[in-house]
Amino acid sequence: MHGKISHGSIEFEYNYFKPSSSLKCFHCLERPKSTEKHLSCAYFDMSSKFHKECTHSTFCMKRTALYQLHNGSYVTIYVHKCADQSHRTMVQDKNGDWNWANLLRFDLYNEGCARQHHSPSLLTTETSHCFCGSDFCNRSSLPASSNKSLVLVSAVITFLAIFAYS
């Protein structure tokens, strides 16, 4: 079932969860319990243990956060998961009774990436959230088009450096 719900001045689209075919995403844990350390994002390797059926989402998400450490070095953290689209709320059925329902919100994300730069006083200097809607689309650390551009730019810089110093 698909529709719209108004909550105060906010209106959002929803769909009741359908367990049929669901999106598959890479999924790792940011803060794993001691029994789940093998699923930590620190050990992410795209193996099947990091595969997840996203029954409550239509998007995969990848978050990249760049941290500057106190010694001046940088660390990049990648988080892969199903995008949060679940909303638990009360819904009135056709008989007028109110029941709890889990709704899938479609209005939360668009495909693509959004970057956020942080002030120098914060430990995190840049965060990127990427959303995509096909199976295992949140696999890489950079989108395929960015990888090609990065290789091309690296090759040009290397060529110029060799040419300049020869």
C-alpha atoms as a PDB file:
ATOM      1  CA  MET A   1       0.000   0.000   0.000  1.00  0.00           C
ATOM      2  CA  HIS A   2       1.334   3.418  -0.959  1.00  0.00           C
ATOM      3  CA  GLY A   3       0.176   6.825   0.241  1.00  0.00           C
ATOM      4  CA  LYS A   4       0.956  10.034   2.094  1.00  0.00           C
ATOM      5  CA  ILE A   5       0.771  10.831   5.778  1.00  0.00           C
ATOM      6  CA  SER A   6       0.746  14.272   7.361  1.00  0.00           C
ATOM      7  CA  HIS A   7       2.352  14.654  10.748  1.00  0.00           C
ATOM      8  CA  GLY A   8       1.861  18.221  11.907  1.00  0.00           C
ATOM      9  CA  SER A   9       3.167  20.397   9.091  1.00  0.00           C
ATOM     10  CA  ILE A  10       5.296  17.563   7.641  1.00  0.00           C
ATOM     11  CA  GLU A  11       3.960  15.310   4.902  1.00  0.00           C
ATOM     12  CA  PHE A  12       5.811  12.238   3.681  1.00  0.00           C
ATOM     13  CA  GLU A  13       5.294   9.403   1.235  1.00  0.00           C
ATOM     14  CA  TYR A  14       5.227   5.841   2.504  1.00  0.00           C
ATOM     15  CA  ASN A  15       4.781   2.268   1.455  1.00  0.00           C
ATOM     16  CA  TYR A  16       3.952  -0.697   3.673  1.00  0.00           C
ATOM     17  CA  PHE A  17       6.846  -3.161   3.689  1.00  0.00           C
ATOM     18  CA  LYS A  18       6.613  -5.936   1.171  1.00  0.00           C
ATOM     19  CA  PRO A  19       8.861  -8.914   1.881  1.00  0.00           C
ATOM     20  CA  SER A  20       8.997 -10.043  -1.795  1.00  0.00           C
ATOM     21  CA  SER A  21      12.207  -9.109  -3.582  1.00  0.00           C
ATOM     22  CA  SER A  22      14.413  -6.729  -1.680  1.00  0.00           C
ATOM     23  CA  LEU A  23      17.542  -4.753  -2.401  1.00  0.00           C
ATOM     24  CA  LYS A  24      20.885  -6.302  -1.441  1.00  0.00           C
ATOM     25  CA  CYS A  25      23.586  -4.054  -0.020  1.00  0.00           C
ATOM     26  CA  PHE A  26      26.976  -4.370   1.579  1.00  0.00           C
ATOM     27  CA  HIS A  27      26.544  -3.880   5.314  1.00  0.00           C
ATOM     28  CA  CYS A  28      29.155  -3.523   8.047  1.00  0.00           C
ATOM     29  CA  LEU A  29      28.900  -2.496  11.682  1.00  0.00           C
ATOM     30  CA  GLU A  30      30.356   0.797  12.927  1.00  0.00           C
ATOM     31  CA  ARG A  31      30.280  -0.181  16.582  1.00  0.00           C
ATOM     32  CA  PRO A  32      30.047  -3.968  16.726  1.00  0.00           C
ATOM     33  CA  LYS A  33      29.341  -5.864  19.910  1.00  0.00           C
ATOM     34  CA  SER A  34      32.181  -8.122  21.030  1.00  0.00           C
ATOM     35  CA  THR A  35      30.482 -11.132  19.393  1.00  0.00           C
ATOM     36  CA  GLU A  36      30.116  -9.260  16.079  1.00  0.00           C
ATOM     37  CA  LYS A  37      33.653  -7.872  15.631  1.00  0.00           C
ATOM     38  CA  HIS A  38      34.084  -9.963  12.455  1.00  0.00           C
ATOM     39  CA  LEU A  39      31.379  -7.741  10.845  1.00  0.00           C
ATOM     40  CA  SER A  40      33.174  -4.502  11.735  1.00  0.00           C
ATOM     41  CA  CYS A  41      33.652  -1.927   8.984  1.00  0.00           C
ATOM     42  CA  ALA A  42      37.372  -2.095   9.847  1.00  0.00           C
ATOM     43  CA  TYR A  43      37.400  -5.629   8.348  1.00  0.00           C
ATOM     44  CA  PHE A  44      35.143  -4.903   5.363  1.00  0.00           C
ATOM     45  CA  ASP A  45      36.273  -6.951   2.341  1.00  0.00           C
ATOM     46  CA  MET A  46      33.071  -7.298   0.219  1.00  0.00           C
ATOM     47  CA  SER A  47      32.805 -11.003   1.121  1.00  0.00           C
ATOM     48  CA  SER A  48      29.399 -12.641   1.554  1.00  0.00           C
ATOM     49  CA  LYS A  49      29.447 -12.112   5.331  1.00  0.00           C
ATOM     50  CA  PHE A  50      28.891  -8.408   4.544  1.00  0.00           C
ATOM     51  CA  HIS A  51      25.857  -9.050   2.283  1.00  0.00           C
ATOM     52  CA  LYS A  52      22.472  -7.987   3.625  1.00  0.00           C
ATOM     53  CA  GLU A  53      18.883  -8.092   2.346  1.00  0.00           C
ATOM     54  CA  CYS A  54      17.502  -4.585   2.849  1.00  0.00           C
ATOM     55  CA  THR A  55      13.858  -5.419   3.479  1.00  0.00           C
ATOM     56  CA  HIS A  56      13.190  -1.948   4.914  1.00  0.00           C
ATOM     57  CA  SER A  57      15.015   0.154   2.340  1.00  0.00           C
ATOM     58  CA  THR A  58      15.151   1.000  -1.361  1.00  0.00           C
ATOM     59  CA  PHE A  59      18.662   2.499  -1.157  1.00  0.00           C
ATOM     60  CA  CYS A  60      22.129   1.341  -0.201  1.00  0.00           C
ATOM     61  CA  MET A  61      24.298   3.890   1.591  1.00  0.00           C
ATOM     62  CA  LYS A  62      28.018   4.439   1.873  1.00  0.00           C
ATOM     63  CA  ARG A  63      29.416   7.040   4.239  1.00  0.00           C
ATOM     64  CA  THR A  64      33.006   8.193   3.950  1.00  0.00           C
ATOM     65  CA  ALA A  65      34.452  10.247   6.780  1.00  0.00           C
ATOM     66  CA  LEU A  66      37.895  11.828   6.744  1.00  0.00           C
ATOM     67  CA  TYR A  67      39.374  12.376  10.207  1.00  0.00           C
ATOM     68  CA  GLN A  68      42.423  14.426  11.044  1.00  0.00           C
ATOM     69  CA  LEU A  69      44.263  12.953  14.016  1.00  0.00           C
ATOM     70  CA  HIS A  70      46.015  15.028  16.664  1.00  0.00           C
ATOM     71  CA  ASN A  71      49.417  14.222  15.154  1.00  0.00           C
ATOM     72  CA  GLY A  72      48.297  15.761  11.826  1.00  0.00           C
ATOM     73  CA  SER A  73      47.809  12.503   9.917  1.00  0.00           C
ATOM     74  CA  TYR A  74      44.500  11.568   8.286  1.00  0.00           C
ATOM     75  CA  VAL A  75      42.335   8.444   8.527  1.00  0.00           C
ATOM     76  CA  THR A  76      39.413   7.628   6.237  1.00  0.00           C
ATOM     77  CA  ILE A  77      36.543   5.516   7.587  1.00  0.00           C
ATOM     78  CA  TYR A  78      34.030   3.820   5.264  1.00  0.00           C
ATOM     79  CA  VAL A  79      30.608   2.617   6.424  1.00  0.00           C
ATOM     80  CA  HIS A  80      28.429   0.473   4.143  1.00  0.00           C
ATOM     81  CA  LYS A  81      24.787  -0.277   4.972  1.00  0.00           C
ATOM     82  CA  CYS A  82      21.133  -0.196   3.986  1.00  0.00           C
ATOM     83  CA  ALA A  83      19.823   3.377   4.070  1.00  0.00           C
ATOM     84  CA  ASP A  84      17.454   4.067   6.959  1.00  0.00           C
ATOM     85  CA  GLN A  85      13.957   4.529   5.516  1.00  0.00           C
ATOM     86  CA  SER A  86      11.848   2.765   8.117  1.00  0.00           C
ATOM     87  CA  HIS A  87       9.303   4.772  10.065  1.00  0.00           C
ATOM     88  CA  ARG A  88       7.142   3.232  12.806  1.00  0.00           C
ATOM     89  CA  THR A  89       3.874   5.075  13.309  1.00  0.00           C
ATOM     90  CA  MET A  90       0.198   4.634  14.087  1.00  0.00           C
ATOM     91  CA  VAL A  91      -2.069   4.176  11.054  1.00  0.00           C
ATOM     92  CA  GLN A  92      -5.848   4.107  10.975  1.00  0.00           C
ATOM     93  CA  ASP A  93      -7.241   1.102   9.107  1.00  0.00           C
ATOM     94  CA  LYS A  94     -10.425   1.027   7.018  1.00  0.00           C
ATOM     95  CA  ASN A  95     -12.479   0.085  10.123  1.00  0.00           C
ATOM     96  CA  GLY A  96     -11.287   3.203  11.964  1.00  0.00           C
ATOM     97  CA  ASP A  97      -8.986   1.273  14.329  1.00  0.00           C
ATOM     98  CA  TRP A  98      -5.481   2.557  15.037  1.00  0.00           C
ATOM     99  CA  ASN A  99      -2.596   0.086  14.681  1.00  0.00           C
ATOM    100  CA  TRP A 100       1.187   0.275  14.685  1.00  0.00           C
ATOM    101  CA  ALA A 101       2.697   0.016  11.209  1.00  0.00           C
ATOM    102  CA  ASN A 102       6.193   0.076   9.784  1.00  0.00           C
ATOM    103  CA  LEU A 103       6.250   2.368   6.788  1.00  0.00           C
ATOM    104  CA  LEU A 104       8.882   2.761   4.129  1.00  0.00           C
ATOM    105  CA  ARG A 105       9.584   6.441   3.394  1.00  0.00           C
ATOM    106  CA  PHE A 106      10.467   7.276  -0.207  1.00  0.00           C
ATOM    107  CA  ASP A 107      11.095  10.992   0.284  1.00  0.00           C
ATOM    108  CA  LEU A 108      14.289  10.797   2.339  1.00  0.00           C
ATOM    109  CA  TYR A 109      17.050  10.266  -0.245  1.00  0.00           C
ATOM    110  CA  ASN A 110      18.002  10.790  -3.866  1.00  0.00           C
ATOM    111  CA  GLU A 111      20.614   8.796  -5.764  1.00  0.00           C
ATOM    112  CA  GLY A 112      24.022  10.408  -5.647  1.00  0.00           C
ATOM    113  CA  CYS A 113      26.486  11.808  -3.136  1.00  0.00           C
ATOM    114  CA  ALA A 114      26.435  14.793  -0.827  1.00  0.00           C
ATOM    115  CA  ARG A 115      29.605  16.115   0.792  1.00  0.00           C
ATOM    116  CA  GLN A 116      29.795  18.067   3.990  1.00  0.00           C
ATOM    117  CA  HIS A 117      32.901  20.015   5.045  1.00  0.00           C
ATOM    118  CA  HIS A 118      33.472  20.611   8.745  1.00  0.00           C
ATOM    119  CA  SER A 119      35.238  23.375  10.608  1.00  0.00           C
ATOM    120  CA  PRO A 120      38.925  22.850  11.430  1.00  0.00           C
ATOM    121  CA  SER A 121      38.129  22.635  15.151  1.00  0.00           C
ATOM    122  CA  LEU A 122      36.279  19.339  14.619  1.00  0.00           C
ATOM    123  CA  LEU A 123      38.020  15.980  14.354  1.00  0.00           C
ATOM    124  CA  THR A 124      36.027  15.057  11.215  1.00  0.00           C
ATOM    125  CA  THR A 125      37.080  17.290   8.319  1.00  0.00           C
ATOM    126  CA  GLU A 126      34.834  15.934   5.550  1.00  0.00           C
ATOM    127  CA  THR A 127      31.919  13.508   5.333  1.00  0.00           C
ATOM    128  CA  SER A 128      30.315  12.124   2.197  1.00  0.00           C
ATOM    129  CA  HIS A 129      26.979  10.258   2.106  1.00  0.00           C
ATOM    130  CA  CYS A 130      26.271   8.330  -1.100  1.00  0.00           C
ATOM    131  CA  PHE A 131      22.933   6.661  -1.890  1.00  0.00           C
ATOM    132  CA  CYS A 132      22.238   4.207  -4.716  1.00  0.00           C
ATOM    133  CA  GLY A 133      19.406   1.857  -5.623  1.00  0.00           C
ATOM    134  CA  SER A 134      20.866  -1.292  -7.205  1.00  0.00           C
ATOM    135  CA  ASP A 135      22.192  -4.488  -5.631  1.00  0.00           C
ATOM    136  CA  PHE A 136      25.605  -4.057  -3.956  1.00  0.00           C
ATOM    137  CA  CYS A 137      26.057  -0.573  -5.455  1.00  0.00           C
ATOM    138  CA  ASN A 138      27.710   0.661  -2.220  1.00  0.00           C
ATOM    139  CA  ARG A 139      30.819  -1.500  -2.687  1.00  0.00           C
ATOM    140  CA  SER A 140      33.657   0.811  -3.696  1.00  0.00           C
ATOM    141  CA  SER A 141      35.436   3.550  -1.845  1.00  0.00           C
ATOM    142  CA  LEU A 142      34.915   5.842  -4.870  1.00  0.00           C
ATOM    143  CA  PRO A 143      32.285   5.800  -7.619  1.00  0.00           C
ATOM    144  CA  ALA A 144      33.541   4.205 -10.860  1.00  0.00           C
ATOM    145  CA  SER A 145      33.598   7.542 -12.690  1.00  0.00           C
ATOM    146  CA  SER A 146      35.673   9.058  -9.864  1.00  0.00           C
ATOM    147  CA  ASN A 147      38.145   6.152 -10.051  1.00  0.00           C
ATOM    148  CA  LYS A 148      38.698   6.799 -13.776  1.00  0.00           C
ATOM    149  CA  SER A 149      39.137  10.525 -13.167  1.00  0.00           C
ATOM    150  CA  LEU A 150      41.537   9.860 -10.304  1.00  0.00           C
ATOM    151  CA  VAL A 151      43.676   7.545 -12.466  1.00  0.00           C
ATOM    152  CA  LEU A 152      43.744  10.110 -15.285  1.00  0.00           C
ATOM    153  CA  VAL A 153      44.669  12.991 -12.949  1.00  0.00           C
ATOM    154  CA  SER A 154      47.362  10.845 -11.274  1.00  0.00           C
ATOM    155  CA  ALA A 155      48.825   9.924 -14.661  1.00  0.00           C
ATOM    156  CA  VAL A 156      48.920  13.588 -15.786  1.00  0.00           C
ATOM    157  CA  ILE A 157      50.556  14.714 -12.516  1.00  0.00           C
ATOM    158  CA  THR A 158      53.138  11.919 -12.736  1.00  0.00           C
ATOM    159  CA  PHE A 159      53.908  12.807 -16.357  1.00  0.00           C
ATOM    160  CA  LEU A 160      54.280  16.511 -15.523  1.00  0.00           C
ATOM    161  CA  ALA A 161      56.493  15.745 -12.522  1.00  0.00           C
ATOM    162  CA  ILE A 162      58.782  13.525 -14.621  1.00  0.00           C
ATOM    163  CA  PHE A 163      58.850  16.090 -17.448  1.00  0.00           C
ATOM    164  CA  ALA A 164      59.559  19.005 -15.068  1.00  0.00           C
ATOM    165  CA  TYR A 165      62.490  17.283 -13.338  1.00  0.00           C
ATOM    166  CA  SER A 166      64.162  15.793 -16.427  1.00  0.00           C
END
